[in-house]
């Protein structure tokens, strides 16, 4: 699936606000991509454009060799919009959108109308086995857990064997304990089905865990598109680095032994810093200062470190072990793995 130079404005004229602004990216066949952005970033508009629920003002959307959408800027003769039902695209809604009055079997078989009864039964049985819910044909949606409803919604979407599946905030309705489990189940199902998938989400944890490639969108524009590892380790900007959680942005002089990035800075995740004694920091070109606060977060302690150099900002450190220095005492910092 390819999105090429796509824009969408919701106010007429040159001063219209661009919800999607000259966006270009691709999802390779058989892979899972994640479109990630904050509320209002333009990701939902882009999903609707791909699904055929909106028409782009400019640009082009392709699925394989088929042109699905072209912009209004091409005029009445050049513009093209394939209706949603003819795009060969499946959409899993945020709230699952199962038919409450239909059984699990009837929900999944909904997209198989027109096929012989025996073929429909066989296909529903195959999909229920794929989503690990064999034997649930007669259950009603209200009898299912949140994770089970999610998998039935995915099975219903996969029933017509679409070329592309769109997932709209698929895990936002699940609590934290269930989310990790369902996320792994969905990932395994999509891998086994071999279907090309684009997930839209605001949750970077979901994107890192599920996607082969992540596309970061902000204010309607793509900030960076890369693998999860590359985005985490080599973000193209401060915006991208901060999007994936706390990051300390420091001038190169803070840690002379560290290699600065192209911006002449050292970017360090809180977990890439180690608390040491002031003497060790001095001996190894580290940073001297003091621990101002220390909070226990379960898997780690979060420490706020005030450098002795008052021109430097407060630094956040995550350490898995009990903090070796008491709050208010002198300490030192050493870098381990700079970002970018």
C-alpha atoms as a PDB file:
ATOM      1  CA  UNK A   1       0.000   0.000   0.000  1.00  0.00           C
ATOM      2  CA  UNK A   2       1.392   3.386  -1.025  1.00  0.00           C
ATOM      3  CA  UNK A   3       0.379   6.890   0.039  1.00  0.00           C
ATOM      4  CA  UNK A   4       1.966   9.517  -2.213  1.00  0.00           C
ATOM      5  CA  UNK A   5       1.831  13.250  -1.507  1.00  0.00           C
ATOM      6  CA  UNK A   6      -1.636  13.063   0.044  1.00  0.00           C
ATOM      7  CA  UNK A   7      -3.199  16.198   1.560  1.00  0.00           C
ATOM      8  CA  UNK A   8      -6.611  16.877   3.056  1.00  0.00           C
ATOM      9  CA  UNK A   9      -7.898  20.285   4.184  1.00  0.00           C
ATOM     10  CA  UNK A  10     -11.154  20.737   6.086  1.00  0.00           C
ATOM     11  CA  UNK A  11     -11.563  24.461   5.501  1.00  0.00           C
ATOM     12  CA  UNK A  12     -11.837  25.806   1.953  1.00  0.00           C
ATOM     13  CA  UNK A  13      -9.298  28.143   0.399  1.00  0.00           C
ATOM     14  CA  UNK A  14      -5.569  28.650   0.822  1.00  0.00           C
ATOM     15  CA  UNK A  15      -5.957  29.322   4.537  1.00  0.00           C
ATOM     16  CA  UNK A  16      -7.629  25.983   5.252  1.00  0.00           C
ATOM     17  CA  UNK A  17      -6.214  23.898   8.068  1.00  0.00           C
ATOM     18  CA  UNK A  18      -4.378  20.832   6.703  1.00  0.00           C
ATOM     19  CA  UNK A  19      -5.421  17.728   8.614  1.00  0.00           C
ATOM     20  CA  UNK A  20      -3.061  15.738   6.381  1.00  0.00           C
ATOM     21  CA  UNK A  21      -0.248  17.660   4.696  1.00  0.00           C
ATOM     22  CA  UNK A  22       1.697  16.149   1.756  1.00  0.00           C
ATOM     23  CA  UNK A  23       2.028  12.712   3.368  1.00  0.00           C
ATOM     24  CA  UNK A  24       4.061   9.950   1.705  1.00  0.00           C
ATOM     25  CA  UNK A  25       4.762   6.465   3.081  1.00  0.00           C
ATOM     26  CA  UNK A  26       4.381   2.806   2.141  1.00  0.00           C
ATOM     27  CA  UNK A  27       3.455  -0.474   3.821  1.00  0.00           C
ATOM     28  CA  UNK A  28       5.250  -3.479   2.355  1.00  0.00           C
ATOM     29  CA  UNK A  29       3.208  -6.611   1.528  1.00  0.00           C
ATOM     30  CA  UNK A  30       2.745  -8.986   4.450  1.00  0.00           C
ATOM     31  CA  UNK A  31       4.120  -6.542   7.036  1.00  0.00           C
ATOM     32  CA  UNK A  32       2.572  -4.683   9.967  1.00  0.00           C
ATOM     33  CA  UNK A  33       2.992  -0.911  10.055  1.00  0.00           C
ATOM     34  CA  UNK A  34       1.870   1.526  12.738  1.00  0.00           C
ATOM     35  CA  UNK A  35       0.794   5.120  12.150  1.00  0.00           C
ATOM     36  CA  UNK A  36       1.439   6.842  15.475  1.00  0.00           C
ATOM     37  CA  UNK A  37       0.468  10.308  16.596  1.00  0.00           C
ATOM     38  CA  UNK A  38      -1.155  12.316  19.356  1.00  0.00           C
ATOM     39  CA  UNK A  39      -4.808  13.336  19.282  1.00  0.00           C
ATOM     40  CA  UNK A  40      -5.358  15.718  16.370  1.00  0.00           C
ATOM     41  CA  UNK A  41      -2.185  14.647  14.549  1.00  0.00           C
ATOM     42  CA  UNK A  42      -4.109  13.591  11.437  1.00  0.00           C
ATOM     43  CA  UNK A  43      -3.851   9.825  11.793  1.00  0.00           C
ATOM     44  CA  UNK A  44      -7.622   9.169  11.858  1.00  0.00           C
ATOM     45  CA  UNK A  45      -8.141  11.382   8.795  1.00  0.00           C
ATOM     46  CA  UNK A  46      -5.419   9.452   6.992  1.00  0.00           C
ATOM     47  CA  UNK A  47      -7.066   6.146   7.940  1.00  0.00           C
ATOM     48  CA  UNK A  48     -10.382   7.409   6.527  1.00  0.00           C
ATOM     49  CA  UNK A  49      -8.627   8.497   3.315  1.00  0.00           C
ATOM     50  CA  UNK A  50      -7.088   5.043   2.877  1.00  0.00           C
ATOM     51  CA  UNK A  51     -10.412   3.339   3.641  1.00  0.00           C
ATOM     52  CA  UNK A  52     -12.191   5.515   1.068  1.00  0.00           C
ATOM     53  CA  UNK A  53     -14.349   7.355   3.602  1.00  0.00           C
ATOM     54  CA  UNK A  54     -12.724  10.679   2.656  1.00  0.00           C
ATOM     55  CA  UNK A  55     -11.430  12.057  -0.671  1.00  0.00           C
ATOM     56  CA  UNK A  56      -7.930  13.600  -0.745  1.00  0.00           C
ATOM     57  CA  UNK A  57      -7.471  17.158  -2.016  1.00  0.00           C
ATOM     58  CA  UNK A  58      -4.224  16.088  -3.664  1.00  0.00           C
ATOM     59  CA  UNK A  59      -1.980  13.054  -3.977  1.00  0.00           C
ATOM     60  CA  UNK A  60      -2.584   9.394  -4.666  1.00  0.00           C
ATOM     61  CA  UNK A  61      -3.313   6.188  -2.736  1.00  0.00           C
ATOM     62  CA  UNK A  62      -2.432   2.794  -4.250  1.00  0.00           C
ATOM     63  CA  UNK A  63      -2.961  -0.799  -3.179  1.00  0.00           C
ATOM     64  CA  UNK A  64      -0.745  -3.054  -5.244  1.00  0.00           C
ATOM     65  CA  UNK A  65      -1.237  -2.044  -8.877  1.00  0.00           C
ATOM     66  CA  UNK A  66      -4.641  -0.428  -8.228  1.00  0.00           C
ATOM     67  CA  UNK A  67      -5.130   3.311  -7.847  1.00  0.00           C
ATOM     68  CA  UNK A  68      -7.715   3.739  -5.069  1.00  0.00           C
ATOM     69  CA  UNK A  69      -7.792   7.531  -4.740  1.00  0.00           C
ATOM     70  CA  UNK A  70      -6.477  10.587  -6.529  1.00  0.00           C
ATOM     71  CA  UNK A  71      -6.876  14.180  -5.413  1.00  0.00           C
ATOM     72  CA  UNK A  72      -9.523  16.718  -6.294  1.00  0.00           C
ATOM     73  CA  UNK A  73      -6.756  18.902  -7.709  1.00  0.00           C
ATOM     74  CA  UNK A  74      -6.750  16.690 -10.829  1.00  0.00           C
ATOM     75  CA  UNK A  75     -10.190  17.942 -11.797  1.00  0.00           C
ATOM     76  CA  UNK A  76     -13.345  16.007 -12.570  1.00  0.00           C
ATOM     77  CA  UNK A  77     -11.661  13.941 -15.280  1.00  0.00           C
ATOM     78  CA  UNK A  78      -8.459  13.126 -13.386  1.00  0.00           C
ATOM     79  CA  UNK A  79      -9.876  12.545  -9.898  1.00  0.00           C
ATOM     80  CA  UNK A  80     -10.623   8.957  -8.913  1.00  0.00           C
ATOM     81  CA  UNK A  81     -12.197   7.463  -5.819  1.00  0.00           C
ATOM     82  CA  UNK A  82     -12.892   3.731  -5.490  1.00  0.00           C
ATOM     83  CA  UNK A  83     -15.846   3.162  -3.096  1.00  0.00           C
ATOM     84  CA  UNK A  84     -14.929   1.648   0.312  1.00  0.00           C
ATOM     85  CA  UNK A  85     -16.701  -1.647  -0.401  1.00  0.00           C
ATOM     86  CA  UNK A  86     -14.643  -2.193  -3.582  1.00  0.00           C
ATOM     87  CA  UNK A  87     -11.199  -1.413  -2.123  1.00  0.00           C
ATOM     88  CA  UNK A  88     -10.384  -4.896  -0.833  1.00  0.00           C
ATOM     89  CA  UNK A  89      -9.641  -3.343   2.563  1.00  0.00           C
ATOM     90  CA  UNK A  90     -10.846  -4.582   5.938  1.00  0.00           C
ATOM     91  CA  UNK A  91     -11.339  -2.211   8.881  1.00  0.00           C
ATOM     92  CA  UNK A  92     -11.382  -3.186  12.572  1.00  0.00           C
ATOM     93  CA  UNK A  93     -13.072  -0.395  14.507  1.00  0.00           C
ATOM     94  CA  UNK A  94     -11.935   0.919  17.874  1.00  0.00           C
ATOM     95  CA  UNK A  95     -15.077  -0.374  19.620  1.00  0.00           C
ATOM     96  CA  UNK A  96     -15.040  -3.687  17.640  1.00  0.00           C
ATOM     97  CA  UNK A  97     -18.521  -2.916  16.160  1.00  0.00           C
ATOM     98  CA  UNK A  98     -19.800  -6.485  16.446  1.00  0.00           C
ATOM     99  CA  UNK A  99     -23.508  -6.907  15.695  1.00  0.00           C
ATOM    100  CA  UNK A 100     -24.976  -7.415  19.203  1.00  0.00           C
ATOM    101  CA  UNK A 101     -28.018  -9.377  17.944  1.00  0.00           C
ATOM    102  CA  UNK A 102     -25.935 -11.882  15.931  1.00  0.00           C
ATOM    103  CA  UNK A 103     -24.007 -14.908  17.161  1.00  0.00           C
ATOM    104  CA  UNK A 104     -20.246 -15.211  16.753  1.00  0.00           C
ATOM    105  CA  UNK A 105     -20.830 -17.427  13.703  1.00  0.00           C
ATOM    106  CA  UNK A 106     -23.230 -14.912  12.140  1.00  0.00           C
ATOM    107  CA  UNK A 107     -20.878 -11.998  12.819  1.00  0.00           C
ATOM    108  CA  UNK A 108     -17.947 -13.683  11.091  1.00  0.00           C
ATOM    109  CA  UNK A 109     -20.084 -15.040   8.245  1.00  0.00           C
ATOM    110  CA  UNK A 110     -21.539 -11.593   7.548  1.00  0.00           C
ATOM    111  CA  UNK A 111     -18.804 -10.852   5.017  1.00  0.00           C
ATOM    112  CA  UNK A 112     -19.239 -14.227   3.314  1.00  0.00           C
ATOM    113  CA  UNK A 113     -22.749 -13.714   1.956  1.00  0.00           C
ATOM    114  CA  UNK A 114     -23.366 -15.285  -1.409  1.00  0.00           C
ATOM    115  CA  UNK A 115     -21.151 -18.279  -0.764  1.00  0.00           C
ATOM    116  CA  UNK A 116     -22.527 -21.831  -0.352  1.00  0.00           C
ATOM    117  CA  UNK A 117     -23.521 -22.731   3.215  1.00  0.00           C
ATOM    118  CA  UNK A 118     -20.897 -25.482   3.495  1.00  0.00           C
ATOM    119  CA  UNK A 119     -18.156 -23.096   2.372  1.00  0.00           C
ATOM    120  CA  UNK A 120     -19.274 -20.463   4.888  1.00  0.00           C
ATOM    121  CA  UNK A 121     -19.234 -23.002   7.737  1.00  0.00           C
ATOM    122  CA  UNK A 122     -15.762 -24.198   6.762  1.00  0.00           C
ATOM    123  CA  UNK A 123     -14.395 -20.641   6.511  1.00  0.00           C
ATOM    124  CA  UNK A 124     -15.854 -19.594   9.879  1.00  0.00           C
ATOM    125  CA  UNK A 125     -14.385 -22.725  11.474  1.00  0.00           C
ATOM    126  CA  UNK A 126     -10.988 -21.901   9.948  1.00  0.00           C
ATOM    127  CA  UNK A 127     -11.078 -18.330  11.234  1.00  0.00           C
ATOM    128  CA  UNK A 128     -12.198 -19.346  14.720  1.00  0.00           C
ATOM    129  CA  UNK A 129      -9.272 -21.760  14.863  1.00  0.00           C
ATOM    130  CA  UNK A 130      -6.968 -18.978  13.638  1.00  0.00           C
ATOM    131  CA  UNK A 131      -8.084 -16.628  16.441  1.00  0.00           C
ATOM    132  CA  UNK A 132      -8.010 -19.453  19.041  1.00  0.00           C
ATOM    133  CA  UNK A 133     -11.764 -19.405  19.698  1.00  0.00           C
ATOM    134  CA  UNK A 134     -12.927 -22.682  18.154  1.00  0.00           C
ATOM    135  CA  UNK A 135     -16.263 -23.838  19.579  1.00  0.00           C
ATOM    136  CA  UNK A 136     -17.596 -20.306  20.217  1.00  0.00           C
ATOM    137  CA  UNK A 137     -19.895 -20.206  17.186  1.00  0.00           C
ATOM    138  CA  UNK A 138     -23.145 -19.936  19.175  1.00  0.00           C
ATOM    139  CA  UNK A 139     -22.044 -17.384  21.750  1.00  0.00           C
ATOM    140  CA  UNK A 140     -23.327 -13.815  21.667  1.00  0.00           C
ATOM    141  CA  UNK A 141     -21.015 -10.766  21.750  1.00  0.00           C
ATOM    142  CA  UNK A 142     -22.107  -9.803  25.284  1.00  0.00           C
ATOM    143  CA  UNK A 143     -20.918 -13.217  26.501  1.00  0.00           C
ATOM    144  CA  UNK A 144     -17.347 -12.551  25.344  1.00  0.00           C
ATOM    145  CA  UNK A 145     -14.503 -10.842  27.174  1.00  0.00           C
ATOM    146  CA  UNK A 146     -12.929  -7.695  25.728  1.00  0.00           C
ATOM    147  CA  UNK A 147     -10.037  -9.679  24.308  1.00  0.00           C
ATOM    148  CA  UNK A 148     -12.369 -12.265  22.766  1.00  0.00           C
ATOM    149  CA  UNK A 149     -14.479  -9.542  21.128  1.00  0.00           C
ATOM    150  CA  UNK A 150     -11.301  -8.062  19.690  1.00  0.00           C
ATOM    151  CA  UNK A 151     -10.340 -11.402  18.125  1.00  0.00           C
ATOM    152  CA  UNK A 152     -13.846 -12.018  16.738  1.00  0.00           C
ATOM    153  CA  UNK A 153     -13.812  -8.550  15.161  1.00  0.00           C
ATOM    154  CA  UNK A 154     -10.461  -9.396  13.569  1.00  0.00           C
ATOM    155  CA  UNK A 155     -11.813 -12.763  12.330  1.00  0.00           C
ATOM    156  CA  UNK A 156     -14.814 -11.014  10.751  1.00  0.00           C
ATOM    157  CA  UNK A 157     -12.477  -8.557   9.002  1.00  0.00           C
ATOM    158  CA  UNK A 158     -10.261 -11.370   7.709  1.00  0.00           C
ATOM    159  CA  UNK A 159     -13.220 -13.424   6.396  1.00  0.00           C
ATOM    160  CA  UNK A 160     -13.348 -11.835   2.897  1.00  0.00           C
ATOM    161  CA  UNK A 161      -9.506 -12.184   2.730  1.00  0.00           C
ATOM    162  CA  UNK A 162      -8.733  -8.473   2.204  1.00  0.00           C
ATOM    163  CA  UNK A 163      -5.431  -7.298   0.742  1.00  0.00           C
ATOM    164  CA  UNK A 164      -5.062  -4.731   3.540  1.00  0.00           C
ATOM    165  CA  UNK A 165      -6.348  -4.601   7.134  1.00  0.00           C
ATOM    166  CA  UNK A 166      -6.714  -1.288   8.971  1.00  0.00           C
ATOM    167  CA  UNK A 167      -6.762  -1.355  12.782  1.00  0.00           C
ATOM    168  CA  UNK A 168      -8.190   1.763  14.443  1.00  0.00           C
ATOM    169  CA  UNK A 169      -6.803   2.101  18.011  1.00  0.00           C
ATOM    170  CA  UNK A 170      -7.303  -1.661  18.474  1.00  0.00           C
ATOM    171  CA  UNK A 171      -6.277  -1.907  22.140  1.00  0.00           C
ATOM    172  CA  UNK A 172      -7.487   1.390  23.591  1.00  0.00           C
ATOM    173  CA  UNK A 173     -10.519  -0.171  25.292  1.00  0.00           C
ATOM    174  CA  UNK A 174      -8.490  -2.850  27.105  1.00  0.00           C
ATOM    175  CA  UNK A 175      -7.033  -2.501  30.583  1.00  0.00           C
ATOM    176  CA  UNK A 176      -3.258  -2.664  30.991  1.00  0.00           C
ATOM    177  CA  UNK A 177      -3.215  -6.263  32.216  1.00  0.00           C
ATOM    178  CA  UNK A 178      -5.219  -7.584  29.273  1.00  0.00           C
ATOM    179  CA  UNK A 179      -3.658  -5.330  26.636  1.00  0.00           C
ATOM    180  CA  UNK A 180      -0.249  -7.056  26.504  1.00  0.00           C
ATOM    181  CA  UNK A 181      -1.860 -10.495  26.141  1.00  0.00           C
ATOM    182  CA  UNK A 182      -4.322  -9.450  23.407  1.00  0.00           C
ATOM    183  CA  UNK A 183      -1.598  -7.526  21.592  1.00  0.00           C
ATOM    184  CA  UNK A 184       0.538 -10.656  21.325  1.00  0.00           C
ATOM    185  CA  UNK A 185      -2.472 -12.716  20.224  1.00  0.00           C
ATOM    186  CA  UNK A 186      -3.366 -10.213  17.495  1.00  0.00           C
ATOM    187  CA  UNK A 187       0.242 -10.061  16.324  1.00  0.00           C
ATOM    188  CA  UNK A 188       0.397 -13.860  16.048  1.00  0.00           C
ATOM    189  CA  UNK A 189      -2.926 -13.957  14.139  1.00  0.00           C
ATOM    190  CA  UNK A 190      -1.817 -11.297  11.641  1.00  0.00           C
ATOM    191  CA  UNK A 191       1.530 -13.048  11.138  1.00  0.00           C
ATOM    192  CA  UNK A 192      -0.158 -16.375  10.524  1.00  0.00           C
ATOM    193  CA  UNK A 193      -2.682 -14.807   8.136  1.00  0.00           C
ATOM    194  CA  UNK A 194       0.144 -13.038   6.279  1.00  0.00           C
ATOM    195  CA  UNK A 195      -2.040  -9.999   5.655  1.00  0.00           C
ATOM    196  CA  UNK A 196      -0.662  -6.493   5.120  1.00  0.00           C
ATOM    197  CA  UNK A 197      -1.723  -4.369   8.104  1.00  0.00           C
ATOM    198  CA  UNK A 198      -1.751  -0.697   9.079  1.00  0.00           C
ATOM    199  CA  UNK A 199      -2.534   0.100  12.710  1.00  0.00           C
ATOM    200  CA  UNK A 200      -3.473   3.611  13.808  1.00  0.00           C
ATOM    201  CA  UNK A 201      -2.646   4.352  17.446  1.00  0.00           C
ATOM    202  CA  UNK A 202      -1.554   7.026  19.909  1.00  0.00           C
ATOM    203  CA  UNK A 203       0.179   4.389  22.065  1.00  0.00           C
ATOM    204  CA  UNK A 204       3.898   4.044  21.280  1.00  0.00           C
ATOM    205  CA  UNK A 205       4.026   0.867  23.387  1.00  0.00           C
ATOM    206  CA  UNK A 206       1.523  -0.816  21.048  1.00  0.00           C
ATOM    207  CA  UNK A 207       3.488   0.358  18.010  1.00  0.00           C
ATOM    208  CA  UNK A 208       6.854  -0.839  19.347  1.00  0.00           C
ATOM    209  CA  UNK A 209       5.446  -4.249  20.299  1.00  0.00           C
ATOM    210  CA  UNK A 210       3.416  -4.933  17.147  1.00  0.00           C
ATOM    211  CA  UNK A 211       4.853  -3.151  14.129  1.00  0.00           C
ATOM    212  CA  UNK A 212       7.628  -3.916  11.663  1.00  0.00           C
ATOM    213  CA  UNK A 213       7.705  -0.244  10.749  1.00  0.00           C
ATOM    214  CA  UNK A 214       6.442   2.877  12.518  1.00  0.00           C
ATOM    215  CA  UNK A 215       5.337   6.127  10.870  1.00  0.00           C
ATOM    216  CA  UNK A 216       5.272   9.161  13.195  1.00  0.00           C
ATOM    217  CA  UNK A 217       2.755  11.869  12.263  1.00  0.00           C
ATOM    218  CA  UNK A 218       2.367  15.285  13.887  1.00  0.00           C
ATOM    219  CA  UNK A 219       0.260  18.253  12.750  1.00  0.00           C
ATOM    220  CA  UNK A 220      -0.586  16.317   9.591  1.00  0.00           C
ATOM    221  CA  UNK A 221       3.026  15.765   8.508  1.00  0.00           C
ATOM    222  CA  UNK A 222       5.309  12.734   8.703  1.00  0.00           C
ATOM    223  CA  UNK A 223       8.203  13.318  11.100  1.00  0.00           C
ATOM    224  CA  UNK A 224       9.960   9.982  10.551  1.00  0.00           C
ATOM    225  CA  UNK A 225       9.301   6.489   9.206  1.00  0.00           C
ATOM    226  CA  UNK A 226      11.572   3.616  10.218  1.00  0.00           C
ATOM    227  CA  UNK A 227      11.847   0.352  12.129  1.00  0.00           C
ATOM    228  CA  UNK A 228      10.990   0.420  15.847  1.00  0.00           C
ATOM    229  CA  UNK A 229      14.647  -0.102  16.796  1.00  0.00           C
ATOM    230  CA  UNK A 230      15.874   2.717  14.548  1.00  0.00           C
ATOM    231  CA  UNK A 231      13.245   5.165  15.829  1.00  0.00           C
ATOM    232  CA  UNK A 232      14.150   4.365  19.420  1.00  0.00           C
ATOM    233  CA  UNK A 233      17.939   4.500  18.934  1.00  0.00           C
ATOM    234  CA  UNK A 234      18.264   7.055  16.113  1.00  0.00           C
ATOM    235  CA  UNK A 235      15.342   9.524  16.192  1.00  0.00           C
ATOM    236  CA  UNK A 236      15.577  12.228  13.544  1.00  0.00           C
ATOM    237  CA  UNK A 237      14.567  15.035  15.890  1.00  0.00           C
ATOM    238  CA  UNK A 238      13.902  15.946  19.502  1.00  0.00           C
ATOM    239  CA  UNK A 239      10.171  15.618  18.776  1.00  0.00           C
ATOM    240  CA  UNK A 240      10.537  11.993  17.710  1.00  0.00           C
ATOM    241  CA  UNK A 241      12.869  11.162  20.600  1.00  0.00           C
ATOM    242  CA  UNK A 242      10.479  12.652  23.174  1.00  0.00           C
ATOM    243  CA  UNK A 243       7.491  10.930  21.577  1.00  0.00           C
ATOM    244  CA  UNK A 244       8.780   7.567  22.783  1.00  0.00           C
ATOM    245  CA  UNK A 245       9.166   8.665  26.395  1.00  0.00           C
ATOM    246  CA  UNK A 246      11.443  10.804  28.554  1.00  0.00           C
ATOM    247  CA  UNK A 247      14.761  11.792  27.013  1.00  0.00           C
ATOM    248  CA  UNK A 248      17.511  14.041  28.365  1.00  0.00           C
ATOM    249  CA  UNK A 249      18.752  16.544  25.775  1.00  0.00           C
ATOM    250  CA  UNK A 250      22.179  17.737  26.841  1.00  0.00           C
ATOM    251  CA  UNK A 251      24.975  19.751  25.253  1.00  0.00           C
ATOM    252  CA  UNK A 252      28.029  17.707  24.306  1.00  0.00           C
ATOM    253  CA  UNK A 253      30.089  19.315  27.070  1.00  0.00           C
ATOM    254  CA  UNK A 254      27.959  17.527  29.687  1.00  0.00           C
ATOM    255  CA  UNK A 255      29.706  14.248  28.796  1.00  0.00           C
ATOM    256  CA  UNK A 256      32.940  14.981  26.884  1.00  0.00           C
ATOM    257  CA  UNK A 257      33.673  11.262  26.402  1.00  0.00           C
ATOM    258  CA  UNK A 258      30.343  10.636  24.608  1.00  0.00           C
ATOM    259  CA  UNK A 259      30.015  11.080  20.846  1.00  0.00           C
ATOM    260  CA  UNK A 260      27.598  13.924  20.079  1.00  0.00           C
ATOM    261  CA  UNK A 261      24.922  13.652  17.387  1.00  0.00           C
ATOM    262  CA  UNK A 262      24.565  15.841  14.295  1.00  0.00           C
ATOM    263  CA  UNK A 263      22.962  18.561  16.422  1.00  0.00           C
ATOM    264  CA  UNK A 264      26.072  18.711  18.631  1.00  0.00           C
ATOM    265  CA  UNK A 265      24.145  17.274  21.565  1.00  0.00           C
ATOM    266  CA  UNK A 266      24.010  14.080  23.594  1.00  0.00           C
ATOM    267  CA  UNK A 267      20.504  12.586  23.865  1.00  0.00           C
ATOM    268  CA  UNK A 268      20.154  10.071  26.673  1.00  0.00           C
ATOM    269  CA  UNK A 269      17.185   7.970  27.761  1.00  0.00           C
ATOM    270  CA  UNK A 270      16.748   7.821  31.557  1.00  0.00           C
ATOM    271  CA  UNK A 271      17.741   4.144  31.487  1.00  0.00           C
ATOM    272  CA  UNK A 272      20.989   4.923  29.648  1.00  0.00           C
ATOM    273  CA  UNK A 273      22.513   6.755  32.625  1.00  0.00           C
ATOM    274  CA  UNK A 274      24.228   5.235  35.650  1.00  0.00           C
ATOM    275  CA  UNK A 275      24.457   6.796  39.095  1.00  0.00           C
ATOM    276  CA  UNK A 276      27.967   6.652  40.564  1.00  0.00           C
ATOM    277  CA  UNK A 277      29.950   8.419  43.250  1.00  0.00           C
ATOM    278  CA  UNK A 278      31.237  11.924  42.652  1.00  0.00           C
ATOM    279  CA  UNK A 279      34.807  10.586  42.679  1.00  0.00           C
ATOM    280  CA  UNK A 280      34.091   8.014  39.946  1.00  0.00           C
ATOM    281  CA  UNK A 281      32.291  10.593  37.823  1.00  0.00           C
ATOM    282  CA  UNK A 282      35.289  12.951  38.101  1.00  0.00           C
ATOM    283  CA  UNK A 283      37.768  10.187  37.224  1.00  0.00           C
ATOM    284  CA  UNK A 284      35.794   9.053  34.154  1.00  0.00           C
ATOM    285  CA  UNK A 285      34.727  12.438  32.711  1.00  0.00           C
ATOM    286  CA  UNK A 286      31.245  12.050  34.105  1.00  0.00           C
ATOM    287  CA  UNK A 287      28.887  14.648  35.473  1.00  0.00           C
ATOM    288  CA  UNK A 288      28.876  15.821  39.096  1.00  0.00           C
ATOM    289  CA  UNK A 289      25.773  16.948  40.942  1.00  0.00           C
ATOM    290  CA  UNK A 290      23.243  15.813  43.524  1.00  0.00           C
ATOM    291  CA  UNK A 291      20.143  13.637  43.807  1.00  0.00           C
ATOM    292  CA  UNK A 292      17.129  15.866  44.444  1.00  0.00           C
ATOM    293  CA  UNK A 293      14.290  13.306  44.389  1.00  0.00           C
ATOM    294  CA  UNK A 294      13.928   9.543  44.192  1.00  0.00           C
ATOM    295  CA  UNK A 295      10.642   7.726  43.517  1.00  0.00           C
ATOM    296  CA  UNK A 296       9.916   3.991  43.364  1.00  0.00           C
ATOM    297  CA  UNK A 297       8.027   2.940  40.175  1.00  0.00           C
ATOM    298  CA  UNK A 298       7.947  -0.817  40.618  1.00  0.00           C
ATOM    299  CA  UNK A 299      10.339  -1.987  37.898  1.00  0.00           C
ATOM    300  CA  UNK A 300      12.711   0.934  38.461  1.00  0.00           C
ATOM    301  CA  UNK A 301      13.518   3.946  40.609  1.00  0.00           C
ATOM    302  CA  UNK A 302      13.158   7.381  39.015  1.00  0.00           C
ATOM    303  CA  UNK A 303      15.848   9.783  40.158  1.00  0.00           C
ATOM    304  CA  UNK A 304      16.014  13.519  39.458  1.00  0.00           C
ATOM    305  CA  UNK A 305      19.617  14.662  39.287  1.00  0.00           C
ATOM    306  CA  UNK A 306      20.650  18.334  39.482  1.00  0.00           C
ATOM    307  CA  UNK A 307      24.044  18.909  37.803  1.00  0.00           C
ATOM    308  CA  UNK A 308      26.618  21.042  39.598  1.00  0.00           C
ATOM    309  CA  UNK A 309      26.808  23.024  36.352  1.00  0.00           C
ATOM    310  CA  UNK A 310      23.672  25.122  36.839  1.00  0.00           C
ATOM    311  CA  UNK A 311      23.493  25.906  33.117  1.00  0.00           C
ATOM    312  CA  UNK A 312      22.482  22.276  32.523  1.00  0.00           C
ATOM    313  CA  UNK A 313      18.858  21.120  32.941  1.00  0.00           C
ATOM    314  CA  UNK A 314      17.566  18.670  35.533  1.00  0.00           C
ATOM    315  CA  UNK A 315      18.332  15.105  34.415  1.00  0.00           C
ATOM    316  CA  UNK A 316      16.005  12.094  34.811  1.00  0.00           C
ATOM    317  CA  UNK A 317      17.585   8.706  35.590  1.00  0.00           C
ATOM    318  CA  UNK A 318      15.885   5.278  35.729  1.00  0.00           C
ATOM    319  CA  UNK A 319      17.785   2.655  37.670  1.00  0.00           C
ATOM    320  CA  UNK A 320      16.548  -0.910  38.374  1.00  0.00           C
ATOM    321  CA  UNK A 321      18.573  -1.262  41.569  1.00  0.00           C
ATOM    322  CA  UNK A 322      18.096   0.607  44.840  1.00  0.00           C
ATOM    323  CA  UNK A 323      19.661   4.054  44.508  1.00  0.00           C
ATOM    324  CA  UNK A 324      23.193   4.015  45.960  1.00  0.00           C
ATOM    325  CA  UNK A 325      23.018   7.692  46.964  1.00  0.00           C
ATOM    326  CA  UNK A 326      20.579   9.286  49.391  1.00  0.00           C
ATOM    327  CA  UNK A 327      18.321  12.143  48.368  1.00  0.00           C
ATOM    328  CA  UNK A 328      20.113  15.474  48.761  1.00  0.00           C
ATOM    329  CA  UNK A 329      23.600  13.912  48.643  1.00  0.00           C
ATOM    330  CA  UNK A 330      26.354  14.517  46.102  1.00  0.00           C
ATOM    331  CA  UNK A 331      26.557  11.991  43.272  1.00  0.00           C
ATOM    332  CA  UNK A 332      27.755  11.533  39.714  1.00  0.00           C
ATOM    333  CA  UNK A 333      26.412  10.326  36.369  1.00  0.00           C
ATOM    334  CA  UNK A 334      27.989   8.281  33.597  1.00  0.00           C
ATOM    335  CA  UNK A 335      26.394   7.729  30.152  1.00  0.00           C
ATOM    336  CA  UNK A 336      25.970   4.248  28.702  1.00  0.00           C
ATOM    337  CA  UNK A 337      24.040   4.364  25.409  1.00  0.00           C
ATOM    338  CA  UNK A 338      23.342   7.769  23.832  1.00  0.00           C
ATOM    339  CA  UNK A 339      20.354   8.114  21.505  1.00  0.00           C
ATOM    340  CA  UNK A 340      20.989   9.169  17.893  1.00  0.00           C
END
